[in-house]
C-alpha atoms as a PDB file:
ATOM      1  CA  MET A   1       0.000   0.000   0.000  1.00  0.00           C
ATOM      2  CA  LEU A   2       2.827   2.394   0.870  1.00  0.00           C
ATOM      3  CA  ASN A   3       4.416   1.819  -2.548  1.00  0.00           C
ATOM      4  CA  LEU A   4       1.140   2.678  -4.256  1.00  0.00           C
ATOM      5  CA  VAL A   5       0.926   5.954  -2.326  1.00  0.00           C
ATOM      6  CA  LYS A   6       4.521   6.804  -3.256  1.00  0.00           C
ATOM      7  CA  LEU A   7       3.763   6.012  -6.895  1.00  0.00           C
ATOM      8  CA  TRP A   8       0.760   8.353  -6.955  1.00  0.00           C
ATOM      9  CA  LEU A   9       2.590  11.134  -5.120  1.00  0.00           C
ATOM     10  CA  SER A  10       5.498  10.958  -7.562  1.00  0.00           C
ATOM     11  CA  ALA A  11       3.076  10.952 -10.525  1.00  0.00           C
ATOM     12  CA  ILE A  12       1.304  14.029  -9.151  1.00  0.00           C
ATOM     13  CA  ASP A  13       4.636  15.783  -8.579  1.00  0.00           C
ATOM     14  CA  LEU A  14       5.849  14.947 -12.087  1.00  0.00           C
ATOM     15  CA  SER A  15       2.650  16.160 -13.751  1.00  0.00           C
ATOM     16  CA  SER A  16       2.691  19.367 -11.697  1.00  0.00           C
ATOM     17  CA  ARG A  17       6.229  20.133 -12.868  1.00  0.00           C
ATOM     18  CA  GLU A  18       5.375  19.298 -16.489  1.00  0.00           C
ATOM     19  CA  GLU A  19       2.274  21.516 -16.454  1.00  0.00           C
ATOM     20  CA  GLN A  20       3.889  24.461 -14.658  1.00  0.00           C
ATOM     21  CA  SER A  21       4.699  26.495 -17.791  1.00  0.00           C
ATOM     22  CA  TRP A  22       1.294  25.706 -19.319  1.00  0.00           C
ATOM     23  CA  ARG A  23      -0.509  26.828 -16.154  1.00  0.00           C
ATOM     24  CA  LYS A  24       1.495  30.087 -16.056  1.00  0.00           C
ATOM     25  CA  GLU A  25       0.691  30.790 -19.711  1.00  0.00           C
ATOM     26  CA  ALA A  26      -3.000  30.017 -19.136  1.00  0.00           C
ATOM     27  CA  GLU A  27      -3.068  32.318 -16.107  1.00  0.00           C
ATOM     28  CA  ASP A  28      -1.474  35.145 -18.118  1.00  0.00           C
ATOM     29  CA  THR A  29      -3.956  34.608 -20.960  1.00  0.00           C
ATOM     30  CA  VAL A  30      -6.973  34.749 -18.662  1.00  0.00           C
ATOM     31  CA  LYS A  31      -5.563  37.858 -16.998  1.00  0.00           C
ATOM     32  CA  THR A  32      -5.138  39.514 -20.398  1.00  0.00           C
ATOM     33  CA  PHE A  33      -8.659  38.662 -21.576  1.00  0.00           C
ATOM     34  CA  ARG A  34     -10.118  39.884 -18.293  1.00  0.00           C
ATOM     35  CA  ASN A  35      -8.111  43.082 -18.694  1.00  0.00           C
ATOM     36  CA  GLY A  36      -6.458  42.289 -15.376  1.00  0.00           C
ATOM     37  CA  ASP A  37      -3.035  43.462 -16.450  1.00  0.00           C
ATOM     38  CA  SER A  38      -4.220  46.976 -17.171  1.00  0.00           C
ATOM     39  CA  THR A  39      -2.009  49.734 -15.842  1.00  0.00           C
ATOM     40  CA  ARG A  40      -4.609  52.432 -16.400  1.00  0.00           C
ATOM     41  CA  THR A  41      -5.685  54.138 -13.200  1.00  0.00           C
ATOM     42  CA  GLY A  42      -7.789  57.156 -14.180  1.00  0.00           C
ATOM     43  CA  ALA A  43     -11.578  57.128 -13.780  1.00  0.00           C
ATOM     44  CA  ILE A  44     -12.221  57.644 -17.501  1.00  0.00           C
ATOM     45  CA  GLU A  45      -9.659  55.013 -18.453  1.00  0.00           C
ATOM     46  CA  ARG A  46     -11.205  52.491 -16.043  1.00  0.00           C
ATOM     47  CA  GLN A  47     -14.601  53.062 -17.670  1.00  0.00           C
ATOM     48  CA  GLN A  48     -13.096  52.133 -21.034  1.00  0.00           C
ATOM     49  CA  GLU A  49     -11.890  48.719 -19.857  1.00  0.00           C
ATOM     50  CA  PHE A  50     -13.664  45.805 -21.470  1.00  0.00           C
ATOM     51  CA  ASN A  51     -13.806  42.198 -20.302  1.00  0.00           C
ATOM     52  CA  ILE A  52     -13.458  40.375 -23.628  1.00  0.00           C
ATOM     53  CA  LEU A  53     -13.440  36.917 -22.008  1.00  0.00           C
ATOM     54  CA  TYR A  54     -16.861  37.488 -20.423  1.00  0.00           C
ATOM     55  CA  SER A  55     -18.178  38.985 -23.658  1.00  0.00           C
ATOM     56  CA  ASN A  56     -17.015  36.028 -25.750  1.00  0.00           C
ATOM     57  CA  ILE A  57     -18.474  33.476 -23.343  1.00  0.00           C
ATOM     58  CA  GLU A  58     -21.832  35.252 -23.228  1.00  0.00           C
ATOM     59  CA  THR A  59     -21.948  35.489 -27.030  1.00  0.00           C
ATOM     60  CA  LEU A  60     -21.150  31.801 -27.429  1.00  0.00           C
ATOM     61  CA  THR A  61     -23.694  30.836 -24.758  1.00  0.00           C
ATOM     62  CA  LEU A  62     -26.477  32.745 -26.489  1.00  0.00           C
ATOM     63  CA  THR A  63     -25.519  31.284 -29.851  1.00  0.00           C
ATOM     64  CA  ARG A  64     -25.551  27.772 -28.404  1.00  0.00           C
ATOM     65  CA  LEU A  65     -28.925  28.308 -26.728  1.00  0.00           C
ATOM     66  CA  GLN A  66     -30.384  29.580 -29.993  1.00  0.00           C
ATOM     67  CA  PHE A  67     -28.944  26.593 -31.875  1.00  0.00           C
ATOM     68  CA  ASP A  68     -30.460  24.174 -29.337  1.00  0.00           C
ATOM     69  CA  ALA A  69     -33.852  25.889 -29.574  1.00  0.00           C
ATOM     70  CA  ASN A  70     -33.887  25.524 -33.366  1.00  0.00           C
ATOM     71  CA  SER A  71     -33.024  21.817 -33.243  1.00  0.00           C
END
């Protein structure tokens, strides 16, 4: 049983190390699409920020719902 636990722990550790760069890139991408890396601080500039990730998801959701309704 102890060997099985060690096997799983080493597999988890290995996969975590292999995925580290992918996870960092994914985090940066989400931050960019959410406009989270914006350096703008003025009130007018903050009003101009746009969450493209949310917009894209909502557009795709509505399109999918319409497609399902027509089926």
